[in-house]
Amino acid sequence: MNKFEEFKQALVEAGFEDDNYTTYCLFDGDETPEYDGGWREASDKFKEVATKYNFRHVEAEGGHEGGGEYCYGIIELDGSFFKAEWSYYSYNGCEYDYIEDTIKEVKPVTKTITVYG
């Protein structure tokens, strides 16, 4: 079991839904996935679990109006980075049914580029 799977399992044990929407929320930067105890308790419970795993949302791109169809998000857990992908269509919104199939561990790579203006 990798760090992401451990983190997701800890969230489920804390009362968060075990579904693709929870995974989407984590990678898109919405730290309020569905919670059995209600939305008022969700933030505190999420922070409690996230702190144990040193969770950090790194970035998300794409989706939403004007953001493009290809979407991805990156999170960090205890120094390990994970990337997930999903789609966004203006007529249907976010499609994240297979988001868990796209999760992979990634590493940050520094690149130098030359731009002429």
Protein backbone atom coordinates (compact mmCIF):
# COMPACT_ATOMS: atom_id res chain seq x y z
CA MET A 1 0.00 0.00 0.00
CA ASN A 2 1.50 3.36 -1.02
CA LYS A 3 1.23 6.62 0.96
CA PHE A 4 -1.82 7.80 -0.98
CA GLU A 5 -3.70 4.56 -0.35
CA GLU A 6 -2.83 4.80 3.37
CA PHE A 7 -4.01 8.42 3.47
CA LYS A 8 -7.27 7.65 1.69
CA GLN A 9 -7.91 4.70 4.02
CA ALA A 10 -7.30 6.93 7.05
CA LEU A 11 -9.84 9.42 5.67
CA VAL A 12 -12.40 6.66 5.15
CA GLU A 13 -11.84 5.37 8.69
CA ALA A 14 -12.37 8.94 9.93
CA GLY A 15 -15.78 9.07 8.23
CA PHE A 16 -15.10 10.45 4.74
CA GLU A 17 -16.73 8.79 1.73
CA ASP A 18 -14.74 6.08 -0.03
CA ASP A 19 -15.41 7.26 -3.58
CA ASN A 20 -13.94 9.02 -6.60
CA TYR A 21 -15.39 12.36 -5.49
CA THR A 22 -13.23 12.33 -2.35
CA THR A 23 -10.15 11.61 -4.46
CA TYR A 24 -11.11 14.39 -6.88
CA CYS A 25 -11.51 16.86 -4.01
CA LEU A 26 -8.03 16.05 -2.71
CA PHE A 27 -6.33 16.55 -6.07
CA ASP A 28 -8.40 19.55 -7.20
CA GLY A 29 -7.66 21.41 -3.97
CA ASP A 30 -11.15 21.28 -2.44
CA GLU A 31 -10.42 20.03 1.04
CA THR A 32 -14.08 19.45 1.89
CA PRO A 33 -14.96 15.97 0.62
CA GLU A 34 -18.21 14.34 1.75
CA TYR A 35 -18.14 13.47 5.43
CA ASP A 36 -20.55 11.29 7.42
CA GLY A 37 -20.53 13.68 10.37
CA GLY A 38 -21.70 16.69 8.33
CA TRP A 39 -19.96 19.66 6.79
CA ARG A 40 -19.32 21.48 10.08
CA GLU A 41 -17.13 18.69 11.41
CA ALA A 42 -15.53 17.86 8.05
CA SER A 43 -12.88 20.60 8.15
CA ASP A 44 -11.60 19.72 11.62
CA LYS A 45 -11.62 15.98 10.90
CA PHE A 46 -9.84 16.50 7.57
CA LYS A 47 -7.14 18.66 9.20
CA GLU A 48 -6.62 16.00 11.85
CA VAL A 49 -5.95 13.25 9.29
CA ALA A 50 -4.04 15.55 6.90
CA THR A 51 -1.66 16.63 9.66
CA LYS A 52 -0.71 13.01 10.40
CA TYR A 53 0.34 12.54 6.76
CA ASN A 54 1.79 16.03 6.19
CA PHE A 55 -0.76 16.51 3.39
CA ARG A 56 -0.22 19.47 1.08
CA HIS A 57 -2.08 20.33 -2.10
CA VAL A 58 0.70 21.35 -4.51
CA GLU A 59 -1.15 22.38 -7.68
CA ALA A 60 -4.11 21.75 -9.95
CA GLU A 61 -4.60 22.83 -13.51
CA GLY A 62 -7.35 22.70 -16.11
CA GLY A 63 -11.07 22.41 -15.86
CA HIS A 64 -13.63 24.96 -14.86
CA GLU A 65 -14.77 27.48 -17.44
CA GLY A 66 -11.93 28.29 -19.84
CA GLY A 67 -9.46 25.93 -18.17
CA GLY A 68 -9.39 23.18 -20.78
CA GLU A 69 -10.55 19.58 -20.89
CA TYR A 70 -7.38 17.97 -19.53
CA CYS A 71 -7.08 18.40 -15.77
CA TYR A 72 -4.57 17.23 -13.23
CA GLY A 73 -3.68 17.79 -9.62
CA ILE A 74 -0.63 17.08 -7.48
CA ILE A 75 -0.54 16.46 -3.75
CA GLU A 76 2.28 15.77 -1.31
CA LEU A 77 2.13 13.22 1.51
CA ASP A 78 5.12 12.86 3.85
CA GLY A 79 7.49 14.04 1.10
CA SER A 80 6.04 11.82 -1.64
CA PHE A 81 4.22 13.44 -4.56
CA PHE A 82 1.18 12.00 -6.31
CA LYS A 83 -0.52 13.11 -9.54
CA ALA A 84 -4.08 12.35 -10.67
CA GLU A 85 -5.87 13.24 -13.91
CA TRP A 86 -9.51 13.82 -14.90
CA SER A 87 -11.48 15.66 -17.59
CA TYR A 88 -13.71 18.70 -17.70
CA TYR A 89 -16.35 19.41 -20.34
CA SER A 90 -18.37 22.62 -20.29
CA TYR A 91 -21.59 20.74 -21.08
CA ASN A 92 -21.07 18.07 -18.39
CA GLY A 93 -18.63 19.40 -15.78
CA CYS A 94 -15.86 17.30 -14.24
CA GLU A 95 -15.61 13.64 -15.13
CA TYR A 96 -13.58 11.84 -12.51
CA ASP A 97 -15.07 8.32 -12.62
CA TYR A 98 -11.65 6.80 -13.37
CA ILE A 99 -9.49 9.22 -11.39
CA GLU A 100 -8.09 6.52 -9.11
CA ASP A 101 -6.81 4.61 -12.15
CA THR A 102 -4.63 7.61 -13.07
CA ILE A 103 -2.88 8.14 -9.73
CA LYS A 104 0.86 7.76 -9.89
CA GLU A 105 3.79 8.80 -7.77
CA VAL A 106 5.82 11.59 -9.38
CA LYS A 107 8.93 13.57 -8.53
CA PRO A 108 9.49 17.29 -8.97
CA VAL A 109 11.89 18.08 -11.81
CA THR A 110 13.44 21.50 -12.29
CA LYS A 111 13.67 22.62 -15.93
CA THR A 112 15.31 25.69 -17.40
CA ILE A 113 13.63 27.26 -20.41
CA THR A 114 14.45 30.18 -22.65
CA VAL A 115 11.63 32.52 -23.63
CA TYR A 116 11.94 35.43 -26.06
CA GLY A 117 9.47 38.28 -25.77
